[in-house]
Structures are given as C-alpha cells and as structure tokens.
Amino acid sequence: MLERERIIEIVVAVASVILMLGVMIGIGSEYGADNGTLSPEGGELLVGAIIGFIFLLTAVGLVLAFLLNEPEDGLETDDDPDAQSAA
C-alpha cells in the first residue's frame, strides 16, 4: 500500500494534468479552424496555457514540499555544518 503523502502527490499531479488537458481541448475547440489547424490567437493562448501549466506545477510542488515536510525527516536543520566541522 502506498503512503498517504505519495497518494496526495499522485492525486494532485493527475488533477493538474487533467486540468491542462481540459484547457488545451477547450482552446483547440474554440480556436481551431475547419481544416484542423489552430488560429494564431489559439496558438498564443496555447503557449500561454503551457507557461501557466509550468507555473502551476512549480507552485504545487512548492506547496506540497512545504506541507508534507516532516521535521523528523532531517530536511531542515538549525545546525550549521560548517560551524560543526570548525569546532
């Protein structure tokens, strides 16, 4: 069985990808021409959607890292390793 944190990460990632696919399908259906090509406005929106998706996943990754970080994992320490080696 998967850990709780792993399930949360999977659900958030799948939801983000489904959102992106929905946006891309919406842009394609709204700005697609009759011959199957995308209009210039649709192309600009598609590039904006891809950039937005990158920012969305970056924000989601930072939020998940902040929320799922447990102090006993040893990821955040108050000890300075340089000060310990100098002593």
PDB file of N, CA and C in Angstrom:
ATOM      1  N   MET A   1       0.835  -1.184   0.000  1.00  0.00           N
ATOM      2  CA  MET A   1       0.000   0.000   0.000  1.00  0.00           C
ATOM      3  C   MET A   1       0.880   1.248   0.000  1.00  0.00           C
ATOM      4  N   LEU A   2       0.437   2.251  -0.692  1.00  0.00           N
ATOM      5  CA  LEU A   2       1.187   3.497  -0.782  1.00  0.00           C
ATOM      6  C   LEU A   2       1.006   4.339   0.477  1.00  0.00           C
ATOM      7  N   GLU A   3       2.008   5.148   0.756  1.00  0.00           N
ATOM      8  CA  GLU A   3       1.925   6.065   1.886  1.00  0.00           C
ATOM      9  C   GLU A   3       0.948   7.192   1.574  1.00  0.00           C
ATOM     10  N   ARG A   4       0.451   7.833   2.623  1.00  0.00           N
ATOM     11  CA  ARG A   4      -0.519   8.912   2.476  1.00  0.00           C
ATOM     12  C   ARG A   4       0.050  10.062   1.642  1.00  0.00           C
ATOM     13  N   GLU A   5       1.302  10.433   1.887  1.00  0.00           N
ATOM     14  CA  GLU A   5       1.911  11.544   1.155  1.00  0.00           C
ATOM     15  C   GLU A   5       2.032  11.234  -0.329  1.00  0.00           C
ATOM     16  N   ARG A   6       2.381   9.993  -0.649  1.00  0.00           N
ATOM     17  CA  ARG A   6       2.526   9.597  -2.049  1.00  0.00           C
ATOM     18  C   ARG A   6       1.176   9.658  -2.766  1.00  0.00           C
ATOM     19  N   ILE A   7       0.106   9.244  -2.092  1.00  0.00           N
ATOM     20  CA  ILE A   7      -1.228   9.290  -2.691  1.00  0.00           C
ATOM     21  C   ILE A   7      -1.639  10.732  -2.945  1.00  0.00           C
ATOM     22  N   ILE A   8      -1.346  11.628  -2.000  1.00  0.00           N
ATOM     23  CA  ILE A   8      -1.659  13.050  -2.186  1.00  0.00           C
ATOM     24  C   ILE A   8      -0.912  13.598  -3.398  1.00  0.00           C
ATOM     25  N   GLU A   9       0.370  13.270  -3.525  1.00  0.00           N
ATOM     26  CA  GLU A   9       1.156  13.744  -4.666  1.00  0.00           C
ATOM     27  C   GLU A   9       0.590  13.223  -5.984  1.00  0.00           C
ATOM     28  N   ILE A  10       0.184  11.966  -6.028  1.00  0.00           N
ATOM     29  CA  ILE A  10      -0.356  11.380  -7.249  1.00  0.00           C
ATOM     30  C   ILE A  10      -1.665  12.054  -7.626  1.00  0.00           C
ATOM     31  N   VAL A  11      -2.548  12.247  -6.656  1.00  0.00           N
ATOM     32  CA  VAL A  11      -3.847  12.867  -6.933  1.00  0.00           C
ATOM     33  C   VAL A  11      -3.678  14.295  -7.436  1.00  0.00           C
ATOM     34  N   VAL A  12      -2.798  15.049  -6.814  1.00  0.00           N
ATOM     35  CA  VAL A  12      -2.579  16.438  -7.235  1.00  0.00           C
ATOM     36  C   VAL A  12      -1.968  16.485  -8.639  1.00  0.00           C
ATOM     37  N   ALA A  13      -1.024  15.598  -8.924  1.00  0.00           N
ATOM     38  CA  ALA A  13      -0.391  15.590 -10.245  1.00  0.00           C
ATOM     39  C   ALA A  13      -1.392  15.195 -11.330  1.00  0.00           C
ATOM     40  N   VAL A  14      -2.193  14.177 -11.069  1.00  0.00           N
ATOM     41  CA  VAL A  14      -3.188  13.745 -12.058  1.00  0.00           C
ATOM     42  C   VAL A  14      -4.228  14.837 -12.275  1.00  0.00           C
ATOM     43  N   ALA A  15      -4.670  15.491 -11.203  1.00  0.00           N
ATOM     44  CA  ALA A  15      -5.646  16.577 -11.335  1.00  0.00           C
ATOM     45  C   ALA A  15      -5.070  17.739 -12.146  1.00  0.00           C
ATOM     46  N   SER A  16      -3.798  18.054 -11.946  1.00  0.00           N
ATOM     47  CA  SER A  16      -3.163  19.137 -12.703  1.00  0.00           C
ATOM     48  C   SER A  16      -3.069  18.798 -14.185  1.00  0.00           C
ATOM     49  N   VAL A  17      -2.729  17.552 -14.492  1.00  0.00           N
ATOM     50  CA  VAL A  17      -2.631  17.142 -15.898  1.00  0.00           C
ATOM     51  C   VAL A  17      -4.006  17.135 -16.548  1.00  0.00           C
ATOM     52  N   ILE A  18      -5.031  16.677 -15.832  1.00  0.00           N
ATOM     53  CA  ILE A  18      -6.387  16.686 -16.383  1.00  0.00           C
ATOM     54  C   ILE A  18      -6.850  18.117 -16.628  1.00  0.00           C
ATOM     55  N   LEU A  19      -6.515  19.028 -15.719  1.00  0.00           N
ATOM     56  CA  LEU A  19      -6.840  20.441 -15.917  1.00  0.00           C
ATOM     57  C   LEU A  19      -6.157  20.981 -17.166  1.00  0.00           C
ATOM     58  N   MET A  20      -4.884  20.661 -17.348  1.00  0.00           N
ATOM     59  CA  MET A  20      -4.146  21.128 -18.526  1.00  0.00           C
ATOM     60  C   MET A  20      -4.750  20.576 -19.810  1.00  0.00           C
ATOM     61  N   LEU A  21      -5.068  19.297 -19.803  1.00  0.00           N
ATOM     62  CA  LEU A  21      -5.687  18.707 -20.994  1.00  0.00           C
ATOM     63  C   LEU A  21      -7.038  19.349 -21.295  1.00  0.00           C
ATOM     64  N   GLY A  22      -7.808  19.645 -20.261  1.00  0.00           N
ATOM     65  CA  GLY A  22      -9.092  20.314 -20.464  1.00  0.00           C
ATOM     66  C   GLY A  22      -8.924  21.698 -21.068  1.00  0.00           C
ATOM     67  N   VAL A  23      -7.931  22.433 -20.581  1.00  0.00           N
ATOM     68  CA  VAL A  23      -7.666  23.767 -21.132  1.00  0.00           C
ATOM     69  C   VAL A  23      -7.226  23.659 -22.593  1.00  0.00           C
ATOM     70  N   MET A  24      -6.362  22.690 -22.890  1.00  0.00           N
ATOM     71  CA  MET A  24      -5.885  22.527 -24.270  1.00  0.00           C
ATOM     72  C   MET A  24      -7.023  22.114 -25.199  1.00  0.00           C
ATOM     73  N   ILE A  25      -7.891  21.242 -24.747  1.00  0.00           N
ATOM     74  CA  ILE A  25      -9.036  20.830 -25.568  1.00  0.00           C
ATOM     75  C   ILE A  25      -9.981  22.011 -25.771  1.00  0.00           C
ATOM     76  N   GLY A  26     -10.197  22.791 -24.702  1.00  0.00           N
ATOM     77  CA  GLY A  26     -11.050  23.976 -24.824  1.00  0.00           C
ATOM     78  C   GLY A  26     -10.500  24.990 -25.819  1.00  0.00           C
ATOM     79  N   ILE A  27      -9.202  25.235 -25.766  1.00  0.00           N
ATOM     80  CA  ILE A  27      -8.578  26.167 -26.715  1.00  0.00           C
ATOM     81  C   ILE A  27      -8.679  25.614 -28.129  1.00  0.00           C
ATOM     82  N   GLY A  28      -8.424  24.325 -28.295  1.00  0.00           N
ATOM     83  CA  GLY A  28      -8.493  23.727 -29.621  1.00  0.00           C
ATOM     84  C   GLY A  28      -9.891  23.759 -30.204  1.00  0.00           C
ATOM     85  N   SER A  29     -10.896  23.525 -29.382  1.00  0.00           N
ATOM     86  CA  SER A  29     -12.265  23.529 -29.907  1.00  0.00           C
ATOM     87  C   SER A  29     -12.763  24.944 -30.178  1.00  0.00           C
ATOM     88  N   GLU A  30     -12.291  25.909 -29.407  1.00  0.00           N
ATOM     89  CA  GLU A  30     -12.740  27.283 -29.596  1.00  0.00           C
ATOM     90  C   GLU A  30     -12.005  27.990 -30.746  1.00  0.00           C
ATOM     91  N   TYR A  31     -10.706  27.752 -30.871  1.00  0.00           N
ATOM     92  CA  TYR A  31      -9.901  28.478 -31.845  1.00  0.00           C
ATOM     93  C   TYR A  31      -9.413  27.614 -33.000  1.00  0.00           C
ATOM     94  N   GLY A  32      -9.889  26.406 -33.084  1.00  0.00           N
ATOM     95  CA  GLY A  32      -9.499  25.537 -34.190  1.00  0.00           C
ATOM     96  C   GLY A  32     -10.242  25.911 -35.458  1.00  0.00           C
ATOM     97  N   ALA A  33      -9.546  25.850 -36.582  1.00  0.00           N
ATOM     98  CA  ALA A  33     -10.168  26.154 -37.863  1.00  0.00           C
ATOM     99  C   ALA A  33     -10.802  24.882 -38.434  1.00  0.00           C
ATOM    100  N   ASP A  34     -11.475  25.030 -39.578  1.00  0.00           N
ATOM    101  CA  ASP A  34     -12.171  23.896 -40.192  1.00  0.00           C
ATOM    102  C   ASP A  34     -11.211  22.829 -40.707  1.00  0.00           C
ATOM    103  N   ASN A  35     -10.025  23.203 -41.106  1.00  0.00           N
ATOM    104  CA  ASN A  35      -9.085  22.240 -41.677  1.00  0.00           C
ATOM    105  C   ASN A  35      -8.187  21.587 -40.626  1.00  0.00           C
ATOM    106  N   GLY A  36      -8.487  21.765 -39.362  1.00  0.00           N
ATOM    107  CA  GLY A  36      -7.732  21.097 -38.303  1.00  0.00           C
ATOM    108  C   GLY A  36      -6.530  21.873 -37.794  1.00  0.00           C
ATOM    109  N   THR A  37      -6.312  23.079 -38.282  1.00  0.00           N
ATOM    110  CA  THR A  37      -5.193  23.882 -37.780  1.00  0.00           C
ATOM    111  C   THR A  37      -5.700  24.858 -36.726  1.00  0.00           C
ATOM    112  N   LEU A  38      -4.782  25.386 -35.969  1.00  0.00           N
ATOM    113  CA  LEU A  38      -5.111  26.314 -34.904  1.00  0.00           C
ATOM    114  C   LEU A  38      -4.906  27.737 -35.398  1.00  0.00           C
ATOM    115  N   SER A  39      -5.824  28.632 -35.045  1.00  0.00           N
ATOM    116  CA  SER A  39      -5.686  30.028 -35.452  1.00  0.00           C
ATOM    117  C   SER A  39      -4.526  30.667 -34.685  1.00  0.00           C
ATOM    118  N   PRO A  40      -4.014  31.798 -35.165  1.00  0.00           N
ATOM    119  CA  PRO A  40      -2.910  32.465 -34.451  1.00  0.00           C
ATOM    120  C   PRO A  40      -3.264  32.845 -33.013  1.00  0.00           C
ATOM    121  N   GLU A  41      -4.508  33.280 -32.795  1.00  0.00           N
ATOM    122  CA  GLU A  41      -4.921  33.604 -31.427  1.00  0.00           C
ATOM    123  C   GLU A  41      -4.931  32.355 -30.563  1.00  0.00           C
ATOM    124  N   GLY A  42      -5.376  31.257 -31.124  1.00  0.00           N
ATOM    125  CA  GLY A  42      -5.382  29.997 -30.390  1.00  0.00           C
ATOM    126  C   GLY A  42      -3.973  29.527 -30.063  1.00  0.00           C
ATOM    127  N   GLY A  43      -3.054  29.752 -30.996  1.00  0.00           N
ATOM    128  CA  GLY A  43      -1.664  29.384 -30.756  1.00  0.00           C
ATOM    129  C   GLY A  43      -1.065  30.165 -29.602  1.00  0.00           C
ATOM    130  N   GLU A  44      -1.369  31.465 -29.558  1.00  0.00           N
ATOM    131  CA  GLU A  44      -0.884  32.288 -28.460  1.00  0.00           C
ATOM    132  C   GLU A  44      -1.482  31.835 -27.129  1.00  0.00           C
ATOM    133  N   LEU A  45      -2.765  31.506 -27.137  1.00  0.00           N
ATOM    134  CA  LEU A  45      -3.392  31.021 -25.917  1.00  0.00           C
ATOM    135  C   LEU A  45      -2.816  29.676 -25.485  1.00  0.00           C
ATOM    136  N   LEU A  46      -2.492  28.836 -26.453  1.00  0.00           N
ATOM    137  CA  LEU A  46      -1.919  27.532 -26.131  1.00  0.00           C
ATOM    138  C   LEU A  46      -0.535  27.685 -25.492  1.00  0.00           C
ATOM    139  N   VAL A  47       0.264  28.582 -26.022  1.00  0.00           N
ATOM    140  CA  VAL A  47       1.579  28.854 -25.422  1.00  0.00           C
ATOM    141  C   VAL A  47       1.402  29.411 -24.012  1.00  0.00           C
ATOM    142  N   GLY A  48       0.439  30.306 -23.833  1.00  0.00           N
ATOM    143  CA  GLY A  48       0.156  30.841 -22.500  1.00  0.00           C
ATOM    144  C   GLY A  48      -0.304  29.754 -21.542  1.00  0.00           C
ATOM    145  N   ALA A  49      -1.105  28.814 -22.046  1.00  0.00           N
ATOM    146  CA  ALA A  49      -1.572  27.710 -21.200  1.00  0.00           C
ATOM    147  C   ALA A  49      -0.406  26.819 -20.787  1.00  0.00           C
ATOM    148  N   ILE A  50       0.529  26.578 -21.676  1.00  0.00           N
ATOM    149  CA  ILE A  50       1.697  25.756 -21.348  1.00  0.00           C
ATOM    150  C   ILE A  50       2.565  26.459 -20.301  1.00  0.00           C
ATOM    151  N   ILE A  51       2.776  27.755 -20.464  1.00  0.00           N
ATOM    152  CA  ILE A  51       3.546  28.522 -19.482  1.00  0.00           C
ATOM    153  C   ILE A  51       2.818  28.533 -18.133  1.00  0.00           C
ATOM    154  N   GLY A  52       1.506  28.706 -18.174  1.00  0.00           N
ATOM    155  CA  GLY A  52       0.717  28.661 -16.945  1.00  0.00           C
ATOM    156  C   GLY A  52       0.802  27.305 -16.265  1.00  0.00           C
ATOM    157  N   PHE A  53       0.832  26.244 -17.060  1.00  0.00           N
ATOM    158  CA  PHE A  53       0.947  24.894 -16.520  1.00  0.00           C
ATOM    159  C   PHE A  53       2.292  24.708 -15.810  1.00  0.00           C
ATOM    160  N   ILE A  54       3.336  25.250 -16.379  1.00  0.00           N
ATOM    161  CA  ILE A  54       4.657  25.163 -15.749  1.00  0.00           C
ATOM    162  C   ILE A  54       4.654  25.892 -14.408  1.00  0.00           C
ATOM    163  N   PHE A  55       4.082  27.097 -14.382  1.00  0.00           N
ATOM    164  CA  PHE A  55       3.998  27.840 -13.126  1.00  0.00           C
ATOM    165  C   PHE A  55       3.098  27.134 -12.110  1.00  0.00           C
ATOM    166  N   LEU A  56       2.008  26.541 -12.598  1.00  0.00           N
ATOM    167  CA  LEU A  56       1.101  25.807 -11.711  1.00  0.00           C
ATOM    168  C   LEU A  56       1.811  24.636 -11.055  1.00  0.00           C
ATOM    169  N   LEU A  57       2.537  23.849 -11.834  1.00  0.00           N
ATOM    170  CA  LEU A  57       3.229  22.701 -11.263  1.00  0.00           C
ATOM    171  C   LEU A  57       4.364  23.125 -10.326  1.00  0.00           C
ATOM    172  N   THR A  58       4.998  24.241 -10.622  1.00  0.00           N
ATOM    173  CA  THR A  58       6.024  24.758  -9.715  1.00  0.00           C
ATOM    174  C   THR A  58       5.405  25.151  -8.379  1.00  0.00           C
ATOM    175  N   ALA A  59       4.287  25.860  -8.431  1.00  0.00           N
ATOM    176  CA  ALA A  59       3.607  26.269  -7.203  1.00  0.00           C
ATOM    177  C   ALA A  59       3.091  25.057  -6.430  1.00  0.00           C
ATOM    178  N   VAL A  60       2.516  24.095  -7.136  1.00  0.00           N
ATOM    179  CA  VAL A  60       2.008  22.886  -6.482  1.00  0.00           C
ATOM    180  C   VAL A  60       3.160  22.129  -5.824  1.00  0.00           C
ATOM    181  N   GLY A  61       4.289  22.019  -6.502  1.00  0.00           N
ATOM    182  CA  GLY A  61       5.443  21.332  -5.936  1.00  0.00           C
ATOM    183  C   GLY A  61       5.961  22.018  -4.677  1.00  0.00           C
ATOM    184  N   LEU A  62       6.012  23.334  -4.693  1.00  0.00           N
ATOM    185  CA  LEU A  62       6.466  24.068  -3.509  1.00  0.00           C
ATOM    186  C   LEU A  62       5.494  23.912  -2.346  1.00  0.00           C
ATOM    187  N   VAL A  63       4.203  23.992  -2.637  1.00  0.00           N
ATOM    188  CA  VAL A  63       3.201  23.843  -1.580  1.00  0.00           C
ATOM    189  C   VAL A  63       3.256  22.438  -0.996  1.00  0.00           C
ATOM    190  N   LEU A  64       3.335  21.426  -1.861  1.00  0.00           N
ATOM    191  CA  LEU A  64       3.397  20.054  -1.360  1.00  0.00           C
ATOM    192  C   LEU A  64       4.673  19.816  -0.546  1.00  0.00           C
ATOM    193  N   ALA A  65       5.788  20.364  -0.997  1.00  0.00           N
ATOM    194  CA  ALA A  65       7.034  20.201  -0.261  1.00  0.00           C
ATOM    195  C   ALA A  65       6.934  20.857   1.111  1.00  0.00           C
ATOM    196  N   PHE A  66       6.268  21.998   1.178  1.00  0.00           N
ATOM    197  CA  PHE A  66       6.114  22.690   2.454  1.00  0.00           C
ATOM    198  C   PHE A  66       5.155  21.941   3.372  1.00  0.00           C
ATOM    199  N   LEU A  67       4.030  21.472   2.835  1.00  0.00           N
ATOM    200  CA  LEU A  67       3.014  20.826   3.664  1.00  0.00           C
ATOM    201  C   LEU A  67       3.393  19.408   4.074  1.00  0.00           C
ATOM    202  N   LEU A  68       4.084  18.693   3.217  1.00  0.00           N
ATOM    203  CA  LEU A  68       4.381  17.294   3.503  1.00  0.00           C
ATOM    204  C   LEU A  68       5.737  17.093   4.168  1.00  0.00           C
ATOM    205  N   ASN A  69       6.486  18.173   4.404  1.00  0.00           N
ATOM    206  CA  ASN A  69       7.793  18.068   5.047  1.00  0.00           C
ATOM    207  C   ASN A  69       7.591  17.838   6.538  1.00  0.00           C
ATOM    208  N   GLU A  70       8.164  16.774   7.040  1.00  0.00           N
ATOM    209  CA  GLU A  70       8.074  16.470   8.459  1.00  0.00           C
ATOM    210  C   GLU A  70       9.437  16.727   9.100  1.00  0.00           C
ATOM    211  N   PRO A  71       9.458  17.346  10.270  1.00  0.00           N
ATOM    212  CA  PRO A  71      10.743  17.691  10.904  1.00  0.00           C
ATOM    213  C   PRO A  71      11.628  16.486  11.178  1.00  0.00           C
ATOM    214  N   GLU A  72      11.062  15.325  11.441  1.00  0.00           N
ATOM    215  CA  GLU A  72      11.896  14.162  11.742  1.00  0.00           C
ATOM    216  C   GLU A  72      12.572  13.577  10.508  1.00  0.00           C
ATOM    217  N   ASP A  73      12.240  14.085   9.327  1.00  0.00           N
ATOM    218  CA  ASP A  73      12.918  13.624   8.112  1.00  0.00           C
ATOM    219  C   ASP A  73      14.357  14.133   8.039  1.00  0.00           C
ATOM    220  N   GLY A  74      14.684  15.159   8.790  1.00  0.00           N
ATOM    221  CA  GLY A  74      16.033  15.705   8.783  1.00  0.00           C
ATOM    222  C   GLY A  74      16.283  16.642   7.614  1.00  0.00           C
ATOM    223  N   LEU A  75      15.218  17.126   6.982  1.00  0.00           N
ATOM    224  CA  LEU A  75      15.398  18.009   5.834  1.00  0.00           C
ATOM    225  C   LEU A  75      15.686  19.439   6.254  1.00  0.00           C
ATOM    226  N   GLU A  76      15.221  19.813   7.422  1.00  0.00           N
ATOM    227  CA  GLU A  76      15.503  21.162   7.892  1.00  0.00           C
ATOM    228  C   GLU A  76      16.210  21.060   9.228  1.00  0.00           C
ATOM    229  N   THR A  77      17.396  21.605   9.258  1.00  0.00           N
ATOM    230  CA  THR A  77      18.173  21.570  10.489  1.00  0.00           C
ATOM    231  C   THR A  77      18.590  22.985  10.842  1.00  0.00           C
ATOM    232  N   ASP A  78      18.701  23.229  12.128  1.00  0.00           N
ATOM    233  CA  ASP A  78      19.166  24.529  12.595  1.00  0.00           C
ATOM    234  C   ASP A  78      20.673  24.551  12.767  1.00  0.00           C
ATOM    235  N   ASP A  79      21.294  23.386  12.705  1.00  0.00           N
ATOM    236  CA  ASP A  79      22.734  23.287  12.887  1.00  0.00           C
ATOM    237  C   ASP A  79      23.453  23.652  11.595  1.00  0.00           C
ATOM    238  N   ASP A  80      24.487  24.428  11.712  1.00  0.00           N
ATOM    239  CA  ASP A  80      25.302  24.812  10.579  1.00  0.00           C
ATOM    240  C   ASP A  80      26.437  23.786  10.449  1.00  0.00           C
ATOM    241  N   PRO A  81      26.486  23.022   9.334  1.00  0.00           N
ATOM    242  CA  PRO A  81      27.530  22.008   9.212  1.00  0.00           C
ATOM    243  C   PRO A  81      28.936  22.588   9.201  1.00  0.00           C
ATOM    244  N   ASP A  82      29.103  23.809   8.699  1.00  0.00           N
ATOM    245  CA  ASP A  82      30.427  24.434   8.689  1.00  0.00           C
ATOM    246  C   ASP A  82      30.882  24.764  10.113  1.00  0.00           C
ATOM    247  N   ALA A  83      29.950  25.182  10.976  1.00  0.00           N
ATOM    248  CA  ALA A  83      30.306  25.512  12.351  1.00  0.00           C
ATOM    249  C   ALA A  83      30.682  24.253  13.129  1.00  0.00           C
ATOM    250  N   GLN A  84      30.045  23.130  12.808  1.00  0.00           N
ATOM    251  CA  GLN A  84      30.358  21.885  13.490  1.00  0.00           C
ATOM    252  C   GLN A  84      31.751  21.370  13.089  1.00  0.00           C
ATOM    253  N   SER A  85      32.077  21.500  11.823  1.00  0.00           N
ATOM    254  CA  SER A  85      33.376  20.991  11.368  1.00  0.00           C
ATOM    255  C   SER A  85      34.526  21.874  11.853  1.00  0.00           C
ATOM    256  N   ALA A  86      34.258  23.155  12.133  1.00  0.00           N
ATOM    257  CA  ALA A  86      35.305  24.055  12.593  1.00  0.00           C
ATOM    258  C   ALA A  86      35.603  23.851  14.071  1.00  0.00           C
ATOM    259  N   ALA A  87      34.666  23.287  14.792  1.00  0.00           N
ATOM    260  CA  ALA A  87      34.846  23.147  16.251  1.00  0.00           C
ATOM    261  C   ALA A  87      35.772  22.013  16.612  1.00  0.00           C
TER     262      ALA A  87
END
